[in-house]
C-alpha atoms as a PDB file:
ATOM      1  CA  MET A   1     -20.248 -66.491  42.535  1.00  0.00           C
ATOM      2  CA  GLN A   2     -21.161 -70.094  43.386  1.00  0.00           C
ATOM      3  CA  PRO A   3     -17.502 -71.218  43.739  1.00  0.00           C
ATOM      4  CA  LEU A   4     -16.881 -68.412  46.258  1.00  0.00           C
ATOM      5  CA  ILE A   5     -20.006 -69.294  48.254  1.00  0.00           C
ATOM      6  CA  ALA A   6     -19.041 -72.974  48.240  1.00  0.00           C
ATOM      7  CA  TRP A   7     -15.525 -72.067  49.461  1.00  0.00           C
ATOM      8  CA  LEU A   8     -16.937 -70.046  52.357  1.00  0.00           C
ATOM      9  CA  VAL A   9     -18.858 -73.020  53.781  1.00  0.00           C
ATOM     10  CA  ALA A  10     -16.418 -75.764  52.787  1.00  0.00           C
ATOM     11  CA  ARG A  11     -14.198 -75.528  55.892  1.00  0.00           C
ATOM     12  CA  PRO A  12     -14.474 -73.723  59.248  1.00  0.00           C
ATOM     13  CA  GLN A  13     -11.133 -71.980  58.685  1.00  0.00           C
ATOM     14  CA  ASN A  14     -12.460 -70.480  55.448  1.00  0.00           C
ATOM     15  CA  ALA A  15     -15.414 -69.022  57.313  1.00  0.00           C
ATOM     16  CA  VAL A  16     -13.145 -67.609  60.048  1.00  0.00           C
ATOM     17  CA  ILE A  17     -10.875 -65.956  57.463  1.00  0.00           C
ATOM     18  CA  ALA A  18     -13.843 -64.425  55.612  1.00  0.00           C
ATOM     19  CA  LEU A  19     -15.500 -63.145  58.798  1.00  0.00           C
ATOM     20  CA  ALA A  20     -12.301 -61.654  60.178  1.00  0.00           C
ATOM     21  CA  ALA A  21     -11.241 -60.039  56.888  1.00  0.00           C
ATOM     22  CA  THR A  22     -14.610 -58.431  56.211  1.00  0.00           C
ATOM     23  CA  LEU A  23     -14.981 -57.178  59.791  1.00  0.00           C
ATOM     24  CA  LEU A  24     -11.561 -55.495  59.655  1.00  0.00           C
ATOM     25  CA  LEU A  25     -12.426 -53.381  56.615  1.00  0.00           C
ATOM     26  CA  PRO A  26     -15.161 -50.762  57.261  1.00  0.00           C
ATOM     27  CA  LEU A  27     -16.518 -50.831  53.702  1.00  0.00           C
ATOM     28  CA  LEU A  28     -16.920 -54.620  53.826  1.00  0.00           C
ATOM     29  CA  GLN A  29     -18.624 -54.917  57.209  1.00  0.00           C
ATOM     30  CA  ILE A  30     -22.060 -55.255  55.592  1.00  0.00           C
ATOM     31  CA  VAL A  31     -20.611 -58.226  53.680  1.00  0.00           C
ATOM     32  CA  SER A  32     -19.538 -59.685  57.019  1.00  0.00           C
ATOM     33  CA  GLY A  33     -23.153 -59.745  58.157  1.00  0.00           C
ATOM     34  CA  ILE A  34     -24.214 -61.440  54.926  1.00  0.00           C
ATOM     35  CA  VAL A  35     -21.534 -64.101  55.374  1.00  0.00           C
ATOM     36  CA  MET A  36     -22.705 -64.745  58.942  1.00  0.00           C
ATOM     37  CA  VAL A  37     -26.291 -65.307  57.760  1.00  0.00           C
ATOM     38  CA  LEU A  38     -25.011 -67.773  55.158  1.00  0.00           C
ATOM     39  CA  LEU A  39     -22.979 -69.674  57.756  1.00  0.00           C
ATOM     40  CA  VAL A  40     -25.866 -69.990  60.216  1.00  0.00           C
ATOM     41  CA  LEU A  41     -28.233 -71.259  57.524  1.00  0.00           C
ATOM     42  CA  ARG A  42     -25.727 -73.739  56.110  1.00  0.00           C
ATOM     43  CA  GLN A  43     -23.700 -74.883  59.106  1.00  0.00           C
ATOM     44  CA  GLY A  44     -26.061 -74.322  61.998  1.00  0.00           C
ATOM     45  CA  LEU A  45     -26.159 -71.835  64.850  1.00  0.00           C
ATOM     46  CA  LEU A  46     -23.523 -73.493  67.084  1.00  0.00           C
ATOM     47  CA  LEU A  47     -20.724 -73.846  64.524  1.00  0.00           C
ATOM     48  CA  ALA A  48     -21.344 -70.379  63.054  1.00  0.00           C
ATOM     49  CA  THR A  49     -21.203 -68.849  66.552  1.00  0.00           C
ATOM     50  CA  VAL A  50     -17.893 -70.593  67.312  1.00  0.00           C
ATOM     51  CA  GLU A  51     -16.457 -69.385  64.002  1.00  0.00           C
ATOM     52  CA  GLY A  52     -17.612 -65.862  64.816  1.00  0.00           C
ATOM     53  CA  LEU A  53     -15.972 -65.962  68.263  1.00  0.00           C
ATOM     54  CA  ILE A  54     -12.660 -67.113  66.773  1.00  0.00           C
ATOM     55  CA  ALA A  55     -12.812 -64.479  64.031  1.00  0.00           C
ATOM     56  CA  GLY A  56     -13.688 -61.790  66.590  1.00  0.00           C
ATOM     57  CA  ALA A  57     -10.733 -62.808  68.744  1.00  0.00           C
ATOM     58  CA  LEU A  58      -8.395 -62.555  65.737  1.00  0.00           C
ATOM     59  CA  VAL A  59      -9.696 -59.087  64.872  1.00  0.00           C
ATOM     60  CA  ALA A  60      -9.302 -58.019  68.518  1.00  0.00           C
ATOM     61  CA  LEU A  61      -5.662 -59.166  68.477  1.00  0.00           C
ATOM     62  CA  VAL A  62      -5.008 -57.212  65.273  1.00  0.00           C
ATOM     63  CA  ASN A  63      -6.595 -54.098  66.781  1.00  0.00           C
ATOM     64  CA  ALA A  64      -4.590 -54.460  69.981  1.00  0.00           C
ATOM     65  CA  ALA A  65      -1.357 -54.894  68.017  1.00  0.00           C
ATOM     66  CA  ALA A  66      -2.167 -51.766  66.001  1.00  0.00           C
ATOM     67  CA  GLY A  67      -2.917 -49.774  69.157  1.00  0.00           C
ATOM     68  CA  MET A  68      -6.621 -49.513  68.338  1.00  0.00           C
ATOM     69  CA  PRO A  69      -9.341 -49.976  70.986  1.00  0.00           C
ATOM     70  CA  VAL A  70     -10.621 -53.533  71.373  1.00  0.00           C
ATOM     71  CA  ALA A  71     -14.002 -52.108  72.387  1.00  0.00           C
ATOM     72  CA  ALA A  72     -14.531 -51.162  68.727  1.00  0.00           C
ATOM     73  CA  VAL A  73     -14.434 -54.868  67.835  1.00  0.00           C
ATOM     74  CA  ILE A  74     -17.114 -55.660  70.397  1.00  0.00           C
ATOM     75  CA  THR A  75     -19.276 -52.842  69.021  1.00  0.00           C
ATOM     76  CA  ASN A  76     -18.870 -54.081  65.452  1.00  0.00           C
ATOM     77  CA  VAL A  77     -19.695 -57.646  66.473  1.00  0.00           C
ATOM     78  CA  ALA A  78     -22.834 -56.452  68.284  1.00  0.00           C
ATOM     79  CA  ILE A  79     -23.987 -54.362  65.300  1.00  0.00           C
ATOM     80  CA  VAL A  80     -22.933 -56.580  62.392  1.00  0.00           C
ATOM     81  CA  TRP A  81     -22.933 -60.202  63.546  1.00  0.00           C
ATOM     82  CA  LEU A  82     -25.402 -60.444  66.416  1.00  0.00           C
ATOM     83  CA  PRO A  83     -28.488 -59.300  64.406  1.00  0.00           C
ATOM     84  CA  ALA A  84     -27.381 -61.521  61.516  1.00  0.00           C
ATOM     85  CA  VAL A  85     -27.184 -64.550  63.815  1.00  0.00           C
ATOM     86  CA  VAL A  86     -30.571 -63.822  65.398  1.00  0.00           C
ATOM     87  CA  LEU A  87     -32.414 -63.264  62.101  1.00  0.00           C
ATOM     88  CA  ALA A  88     -30.787 -66.280  60.442  1.00  0.00           C
ATOM     89  CA  ALA A  89     -31.755 -68.439  63.435  1.00  0.00           C
ATOM     90  CA  ILE A  90     -35.360 -67.177  63.226  1.00  0.00           C
ATOM     91  CA  LEU A  91     -35.418 -67.890  59.484  1.00  0.00           C
ATOM     92  CA  GLN A  92     -34.033 -71.365  60.065  1.00  0.00           C
ATOM     93  CA  ARG A  93     -36.570 -72.002  62.808  1.00  0.00           C
ATOM     94  CA  THR A  94     -39.663 -70.666  61.013  1.00  0.00           C
ATOM     95  CA  GLN A  95     -38.552 -71.837  57.538  1.00  0.00           C
ATOM     96  CA  SER A  96     -40.471 -68.846  56.173  1.00  0.00           C
ATOM     97  CA  LEU A  97     -38.879 -65.718  54.736  1.00  0.00           C
ATOM     98  CA  THR A  98     -42.154 -63.793  54.975  1.00  0.00           C
ATOM     99  CA  LEU A  99     -42.772 -64.718  58.622  1.00  0.00           C
ATOM    100  CA  THR A 100     -39.198 -63.781  59.547  1.00  0.00           C
ATOM    101  CA  LEU A 101     -39.538 -60.370  57.901  1.00  0.00           C
ATOM    102  CA  GLN A 102     -42.871 -59.840  59.657  1.00  0.00           C
ATOM    103  CA  VAL A 103     -41.101 -60.492  62.962  1.00  0.00           C
ATOM    104  CA  THR A 104     -38.481 -57.865  62.081  1.00  0.00           C
ATOM    105  CA  VAL A 105     -41.241 -55.298  61.474  1.00  0.00           C
ATOM    106  CA  LEU A 106     -42.780 -55.952  64.885  1.00  0.00           C
ATOM    107  CA  LEU A 107     -39.344 -55.665  66.513  1.00  0.00           C
ATOM    108  CA  ALA A 108     -38.746 -52.352  64.702  1.00  0.00           C
ATOM    109  CA  ALA A 109     -42.093 -51.003  65.926  1.00  0.00           C
ATOM    110  CA  LEU A 110     -41.350 -52.116  69.499  1.00  0.00           C
ATOM    111  CA  ALA A 111     -37.878 -50.552  69.342  1.00  0.00           C
ATOM    112  CA  THR A 112     -39.358 -47.241  68.170  1.00  0.00           C
ATOM    113  CA  ALA A 113     -42.021 -47.111  70.876  1.00  0.00           C
ATOM    114  CA  GLY A 114     -39.671 -48.438  73.550  1.00  0.00           C
ATOM    115  CA  PHE A 115     -37.090 -45.737  72.897  1.00  0.00           C
ATOM    116  CA  TYR A 116     -39.586 -43.063  73.963  1.00  0.00           C
ATOM    117  CA  PHE A 117     -40.191 -44.859  77.266  1.00  0.00           C
ATOM    118  CA  VAL A 118     -36.490 -45.463  77.967  1.00  0.00           C
ATOM    119  CA  VAL A 119     -35.369 -41.920  77.052  1.00  0.00           C
ATOM    120  CA  PRO A 120     -37.529 -39.281  78.808  1.00  0.00           C
ATOM    121  CA  ASP A 121     -36.801 -36.536  76.242  1.00  0.00           C
ATOM    122  CA  PRO A 122     -35.750 -38.072  72.887  1.00  0.00           C
ATOM    123  CA  THR A 123     -35.519 -34.675  71.156  1.00  0.00           C
ATOM    124  CA  ALA A 124     -33.020 -33.325  73.681  1.00  0.00           C
ATOM    125  CA  TRP A 125     -31.100 -36.611  73.613  1.00  0.00           C
ATOM    126  CA  TRP A 126     -30.770 -36.549  69.817  1.00  0.00           C
ATOM    127  CA  GLN A 127     -29.825 -32.859  69.841  1.00  0.00           C
ATOM    128  CA  HIS A 128     -26.912 -33.725  72.112  1.00  0.00           C
ATOM    129  CA  VAL A 129     -25.919 -36.612  69.807  1.00  0.00           C
ATOM    130  CA  LEU A 130     -26.108 -34.331  66.757  1.00  0.00           C
ATOM    131  CA  GLU A 131     -23.885 -31.773  68.502  1.00  0.00           C
ATOM    132  CA  VAL A 132     -21.284 -34.482  69.160  1.00  0.00           C
ATOM    133  CA  TRP A 133     -21.467 -35.699  65.550  1.00  0.00           C
ATOM    134  CA  SER A 134     -21.188 -32.125  64.294  1.00  0.00           C
ATOM    135  CA  LYS A 135     -18.050 -31.617  66.379  1.00  0.00           C
ATOM    136  CA  ILE A 136     -16.531 -34.847  65.038  1.00  0.00           C
ATOM    137  CA  ALA A 137     -17.360 -33.836  61.450  1.00  0.00           C
ATOM    138  CA  ARG A 138     -15.821 -30.387  61.994  1.00  0.00           C
ATOM    139  CA  GLU A 139     -12.625 -31.869  63.435  1.00  0.00           C
ATOM    140  CA  ALA A 140     -12.478 -34.289  60.487  1.00  0.00           C
ATOM    141  CA  ASN A 141     -12.705 -31.309  58.104  1.00  0.00           C
ATOM    142  CA  LEU A 142     -16.104 -32.288  56.686  1.00  0.00           C
ATOM    143  CA  PRO A 143     -17.806 -28.920  56.220  1.00  0.00           C
ATOM    144  CA  ALA A 144     -20.793 -30.230  54.235  1.00  0.00           C
ATOM    145  CA  GLN A 145     -21.730 -32.729  56.955  1.00  0.00           C
ATOM    146  CA  THR A 146     -21.166 -30.112  59.665  1.00  0.00           C
ATOM    147  CA  ASP A 147     -23.433 -27.570  57.956  1.00  0.00           C
ATOM    148  CA  PHE A 148     -26.106 -30.229  57.359  1.00  0.00           C
ATOM    149  CA  MET A 149     -26.276 -31.219  61.016  1.00  0.00           C
ATOM    150  CA  LYS A 150     -26.333 -27.571  62.091  1.00  0.00           C
ATOM    151  CA  SER A 151     -29.004 -26.526  59.566  1.00  0.00           C
ATOM    152  CA  ASN A 152     -32.046 -27.419  61.684  1.00  0.00           C
ATOM    153  CA  PRO A 153     -31.058 -29.528  64.700  1.00  0.00           C
ATOM    154  CA  ALA A 154     -34.486 -29.357  66.359  1.00  0.00           C
ATOM    155  CA  MET A 155     -36.290 -30.709  63.283  1.00  0.00           C
ATOM    156  CA  MET A 156     -33.643 -33.398  62.756  1.00  0.00           C
ATOM    157  CA  ALA A 157     -33.813 -34.454  66.401  1.00  0.00           C
ATOM    158  CA  ASN A 158     -37.580 -34.970  66.129  1.00  0.00           C
ATOM    159  CA  ARG A 159     -37.066 -37.387  63.243  1.00  0.00           C
ATOM    160  CA  MET A 160     -33.911 -39.142  64.355  1.00  0.00           C
ATOM    161  CA  THR A 161     -35.596 -41.949  66.307  1.00  0.00           C
ATOM    162  CA  MET A 162     -37.603 -43.272  63.371  1.00  0.00           C
ATOM    163  CA  ALA A 163     -34.701 -42.600  60.984  1.00  0.00           C
ATOM    164  CA  ALA A 164     -32.298 -44.610  63.161  1.00  0.00           C
ATOM    165  CA  VAL A 165     -34.738 -47.510  63.567  1.00  0.00           C
ATOM    166  CA  LEU A 166     -35.421 -47.641  59.826  1.00  0.00           C
ATOM    167  CA  PHE A 167     -31.713 -47.456  58.992  1.00  0.00           C
ATOM    168  CA  PHE A 168     -30.803 -50.401  61.200  1.00  0.00           C
ATOM    169  CA  TRP A 169     -33.922 -52.341  60.140  1.00  0.00           C
ATOM    170  CA  MET A 170     -32.943 -51.933  56.485  1.00  0.00           C
ATOM    171  CA  LEU A 171     -29.325 -52.886  57.228  1.00  0.00           C
ATOM    172  CA  PHE A 172     -30.256 -56.048  59.113  1.00  0.00           C
ATOM    173  CA  THR A 173     -32.954 -57.190  56.665  1.00  0.00           C
ATOM    174  CA  VAL A 174     -30.730 -56.571  53.626  1.00  0.00           C
ATOM    175  CA  ASN A 175     -27.989 -58.649  55.275  1.00  0.00           C
ATOM    176  CA  MET A 176     -30.452 -61.461  55.851  1.00  0.00           C
ATOM    177  CA  LEU A 177     -31.911 -61.299  52.336  1.00  0.00           C
ATOM    178  CA  PHE A 178     -28.511 -61.403  50.618  1.00  0.00           C
ATOM    179  CA  GLY A 179     -27.263 -64.125  52.956  1.00  0.00           C
ATOM    180  CA  TYR A 180     -30.383 -66.167  52.256  1.00  0.00           C
ATOM    181  CA  ARG A 181     -29.908 -65.637  48.508  1.00  0.00           C
ATOM    182  CA  MET A 182     -26.328 -66.911  48.753  1.00  0.00           C
ATOM    183  CA  TYR A 183     -27.593 -69.892  50.733  1.00  0.00           C
ATOM    184  CA  THR A 184     -30.135 -70.840  48.046  1.00  0.00           C
ATOM    185  CA  ASP A 185     -27.391 -70.528  45.404  1.00  0.00           C
ATOM    186  CA  LEU A 186     -25.257 -73.185  47.089  1.00  0.00           C
ATOM    187  CA  PRO A 187     -24.741 -76.265  44.902  1.00  0.00           C
ATOM    188  CA  GLY A 188     -26.981 -79.101  46.018  1.00  0.00           C
ATOM    189  CA  GLU A 189     -28.953 -77.003  48.534  1.00  0.00           C
ATOM    190  CA  SER A 190     -32.625 -77.981  48.216  1.00  0.00           C
ATOM    191  CA  ARG A 191     -34.228 -76.169  51.173  1.00  0.00           C
ATOM    192  CA  ASN A 192     -36.161 -73.061  50.228  1.00  0.00           C
ATOM    193  CA  PHE A 193     -37.943 -70.777  52.678  1.00  0.00           C
ATOM    194  CA  GLY A 194     -39.772 -68.676  50.096  1.00  0.00           C
ATOM    195  CA  ARG A 195     -39.018 -66.145  47.373  1.00  0.00           C
ATOM    196  CA  PHE A 196     -38.408 -62.472  48.012  1.00  0.00           C
ATOM    197  CA  ARG A 197     -40.599 -61.426  45.088  1.00  0.00           C
ATOM    198  CA  ASP A 198     -43.594 -63.084  46.777  1.00  0.00           C
ATOM    199  CA  LEU A 199     -43.179 -61.056  49.976  1.00  0.00           C
ATOM    200  CA  ASN A 200     -46.417 -59.818  51.535  1.00  0.00           C
ATOM    201  CA  PHE A 201     -46.395 -58.369  55.044  1.00  0.00           C
ATOM    202  CA  GLY A 202     -50.077 -59.184  55.357  1.00  0.00           C
ATOM    203  CA  ARG A 203     -53.204 -57.369  56.445  1.00  0.00           C
ATOM    204  CA  VAL A 204     -52.541 -57.811  60.153  1.00  0.00           C
ATOM    205  CA  LEU A 205     -49.535 -55.473  59.940  1.00  0.00           C
ATOM    206  CA  ALA A 206     -51.463 -53.203  57.557  1.00  0.00           C
ATOM    207  CA  VAL A 207     -54.343 -52.906  60.045  1.00  0.00           C
ATOM    208  CA  LEU A 208     -51.869 -52.357  62.905  1.00  0.00           C
ATOM    209  CA  MET A 209     -50.306 -49.493  60.935  1.00  0.00           C
ATOM    210  CA  ALA A 210     -53.727 -47.937  60.228  1.00  0.00           C
ATOM    211  CA  LEU A 211     -54.752 -48.149  63.893  1.00  0.00           C
ATOM    212  CA  THR A 212     -51.451 -46.612  64.990  1.00  0.00           C
ATOM    213  CA  VAL A 213     -51.964 -43.736  62.552  1.00  0.00           C
ATOM    214  CA  LEU A 214     -55.476 -43.199  63.894  1.00  0.00           C
ATOM    215  CA  LEU A 215     -54.317 -43.177  67.530  1.00  0.00           C
ATOM    216  CA  ALA A 216     -51.408 -40.878  66.671  1.00  0.00           C
ATOM    217  CA  THR A 217     -53.809 -38.445  65.000  1.00  0.00           C
ATOM    218  CA  LEU A 218     -56.229 -38.457  67.934  1.00  0.00           C
ATOM    219  CA  THR A 219     -53.642 -38.196  70.705  1.00  0.00           C
ATOM    220  CA  GLY A 220     -50.769 -36.369  69.019  1.00  0.00           C
ATOM    221  CA  ALA A 221     -48.322 -38.592  70.938  1.00  0.00           C
ATOM    222  CA  ALA A 222     -44.816 -38.412  69.469  1.00  0.00           C
ATOM    223  CA  TRP A 223     -44.091 -42.095  70.107  1.00  0.00           C
ATOM    224  CA  LEU A 224     -47.225 -43.134  68.227  1.00  0.00           C
ATOM    225  CA  GLN A 225     -46.386 -40.835  65.321  1.00  0.00           C
ATOM    226  CA  SER A 226     -42.888 -42.261  64.985  1.00  0.00           C
ATOM    227  CA  THR A 227     -44.136 -45.839  65.335  1.00  0.00           C
ATOM    228  CA  ALA A 228     -46.823 -45.249  62.690  1.00  0.00           C
ATOM    229  CA  PHE A 229     -44.254 -43.878  60.245  1.00  0.00           C
ATOM    230  CA  VAL A 230     -41.955 -46.867  60.791  1.00  0.00           C
ATOM    231  CA  LEU A 231     -44.842 -49.312  60.293  1.00  0.00           C
ATOM    232  CA  PHE A 232     -45.694 -47.594  57.015  1.00  0.00           C
ATOM    233  CA  ALA A 233     -42.149 -47.103  55.699  1.00  0.00           C
ATOM    234  CA  VAL A 234     -41.225 -50.796  56.024  1.00  0.00           C
ATOM    235  CA  PHE A 235     -43.738 -51.570  53.275  1.00  0.00           C
ATOM    236  CA  TRP A 236     -41.199 -50.178  50.789  1.00  0.00           C
ATOM    237  CA  LEU A 237     -39.601 -53.623  50.905  1.00  0.00           C
ATOM    238  CA  GLN A 238     -42.871 -55.176  49.730  1.00  0.00           C
ATOM    239  CA  GLY A 239     -43.004 -52.554  46.980  1.00  0.00           C
ATOM    240  CA  LEU A 240     -39.510 -53.589  45.910  1.00  0.00           C
ATOM    241  CA  ALA A 241     -40.598 -57.238  45.919  1.00  0.00           C
ATOM    242  CA  ILE A 242     -43.479 -56.312  43.583  1.00  0.00           C
ATOM    243  CA  VAL A 243     -41.035 -54.765  41.119  1.00  0.00           C
ATOM    244  CA  HIS A 244     -39.026 -58.014  41.154  1.00  0.00           C
ATOM    245  CA  TRP A 245     -42.237 -60.018  40.668  1.00  0.00           C
ATOM    246  CA  TRP A 246     -43.256 -57.879  37.701  1.00  0.00           C
ATOM    247  CA  TYR A 247     -39.843 -58.467  36.107  1.00  0.00           C
ATOM    248  CA  ALA A 248     -40.000 -62.233  36.697  1.00  0.00           C
ATOM    249  CA  ALA A 249     -43.506 -62.283  35.173  1.00  0.00           C
ATOM    250  CA  GLY A 250     -42.355 -60.351  32.125  1.00  0.00           C
ATOM    251  CA  VAL A 251     -44.468 -57.293  32.937  1.00  0.00           C
ATOM    252  CA  VAL A 252     -41.511 -54.887  33.076  1.00  0.00           C
ATOM    253  CA  PRO A 253     -38.009 -55.078  31.548  1.00  0.00           C
ATOM    254  CA  LEU A 254     -34.796 -55.445  33.532  1.00  0.00           C
ATOM    255  CA  PHE A 255     -34.200 -51.704  33.077  1.00  0.00           C
ATOM    256  CA  VAL A 256     -37.083 -50.946  35.471  1.00  0.00           C
ATOM    257  CA  VAL A 257     -35.498 -53.064  38.226  1.00  0.00           C
ATOM    258  CA  ILE A 258     -32.124 -51.396  37.691  1.00  0.00           C
ATOM    259  CA  ALA A 259     -33.737 -47.934  37.668  1.00  0.00           C
ATOM    260  CA  THR A 260     -35.596 -48.725  40.895  1.00  0.00           C
ATOM    261  CA  TYR A 261     -32.315 -49.399  42.687  1.00  0.00           C
ATOM    262  CA  ALA A 262     -30.481 -46.543  40.960  1.00  0.00           C
ATOM    263  CA  LEU A 263     -33.084 -44.003  42.081  1.00  0.00           C
ATOM    264  CA  LEU A 264     -32.917 -45.026  45.760  1.00  0.00           C
ATOM    265  CA  PRO A 265     -29.810 -42.959  46.602  1.00  0.00           C
ATOM    266  CA  VAL A 266     -30.976 -40.099  44.340  1.00  0.00           C
ATOM    267  CA  LEU A 267     -34.603 -39.619  45.406  1.00  0.00           C
ATOM    268  CA  ASN A 268     -34.007 -41.256  48.777  1.00  0.00           C
ATOM    269  CA  VAL A 269     -37.000 -40.657  51.090  1.00  0.00           C
ATOM    270  CA  ILE A 270     -39.395 -39.798  48.237  1.00  0.00           C
ATOM    271  CA  TRP A 271     -38.648 -43.030  46.364  1.00  0.00           C
ATOM    272  CA  VAL A 272     -38.831 -45.152  49.519  1.00  0.00           C
ATOM    273  CA  LEU A 273     -42.238 -43.669  50.356  1.00  0.00           C
ATOM    274  CA  ALA A 274     -43.442 -44.274  46.790  1.00  0.00           C
ATOM    275  CA  LEU A 275     -42.442 -47.937  47.074  1.00  0.00           C
ATOM    276  CA  ALA A 276     -44.093 -48.055  50.513  1.00  0.00           C
ATOM    277  CA  VAL A 277     -47.371 -46.820  48.998  1.00  0.00           C
ATOM    278  CA  LEU A 278     -47.109 -49.528  46.330  1.00  0.00           C
ATOM    279  CA  GLY A 279     -46.392 -52.209  48.943  1.00  0.00           C
ATOM    280  CA  TYR A 280     -49.077 -51.081  51.391  1.00  0.00           C
ATOM    281  CA  THR A 281     -51.844 -50.873  48.768  1.00  0.00           C
ATOM    282  CA  ASP A 282     -50.778 -54.263  47.414  1.00  0.00           C
ATOM    283  CA  THR A 283     -51.633 -55.739  50.813  1.00  0.00           C
ATOM    284  CA  TRP A 284     -55.266 -54.758  50.229  1.00  0.00           C
ATOM    285  CA  PHE A 285     -55.633 -54.975  46.436  1.00  0.00           C
ATOM    286  CA  GLU A 286     -53.246 -57.900  45.729  1.00  0.00           C
ATOM    287  CA  TYR A 287     -51.798 -56.629  42.459  1.00  0.00           C
ATOM    288  CA  ARG A 288     -49.687 -59.733  41.829  1.00  0.00           C
ATOM    289  CA  GLN A 289     -52.496 -62.204  42.489  1.00  0.00           C
ATOM    290  CA  ARG A 290     -54.933 -60.280  40.297  1.00  0.00           C
ATOM    291  CA  LEU A 291     -52.462 -60.159  37.423  1.00  0.00           C
ATOM    292  CA  ALA A 292     -51.680 -63.878  37.814  1.00  0.00           C
ATOM    293  CA  MET A 293     -55.415 -64.728  37.774  1.00  0.00           C
ATOM    294  CA  ARG A 294     -56.032 -62.636  34.641  1.00  0.00           C
ATOM    295  CA  ARG A 295     -53.245 -64.508  32.918  1.00  0.00           C
END
């Protein structure tokens, strides 16, 4: 893996080729975001931005030659590269992985609450979006997806805001984490902004979540309920960090780490919430510190 990472940052043309190739292929677009994080951390914001602009122009030319809309390239750049550039720049500026991830949580909470103020009726808005998606799935001959979106559109619409925010938050943070990991694996790279397994969102965010839950319970406001759920669900990442810490400390075998990832697509929401409970309670009871002190 190290030779590939070293090749990516060795020359600007290598970075342009990697960015353009991964952006062209839908299944590799998440890799494109990871590569962008690596480039910003290694080469700096200016050079990485120039490389991204050149790669985006190449992809736009390919799309135009193939008769595909160039607007799709702009959308992909905005979704895949722009958040990667912003988060990598914040990480480079703060030199703290934990602080950067705390910033992403606050941005996710603000995005959730802000959506309710920008869109007067989020439920009706999401119902319309689900109807459009259902029509696209039906025309694409995807009966399972069509039936799923038609099963209970009102209930799904009520949950779509927090689901969308969490999805994009997970996508952007995973891109940053993998890009940062590739950066630390570079030969001769000595800068280190912290380890993922030591992640702790801190009691300030934990108290903010508890207060939001309290206000949501007292007022019944939909925007507070969604924001409270987002603030709680993000702690699953801290729960995942604890599992990695336990493995590094020899508390659990590698099988437990593998099983944790393998169960995510199977148990989905249930497993994420279980990890969130582990991460949130760790903020107050400090499981890792207590175990380290006993040792």
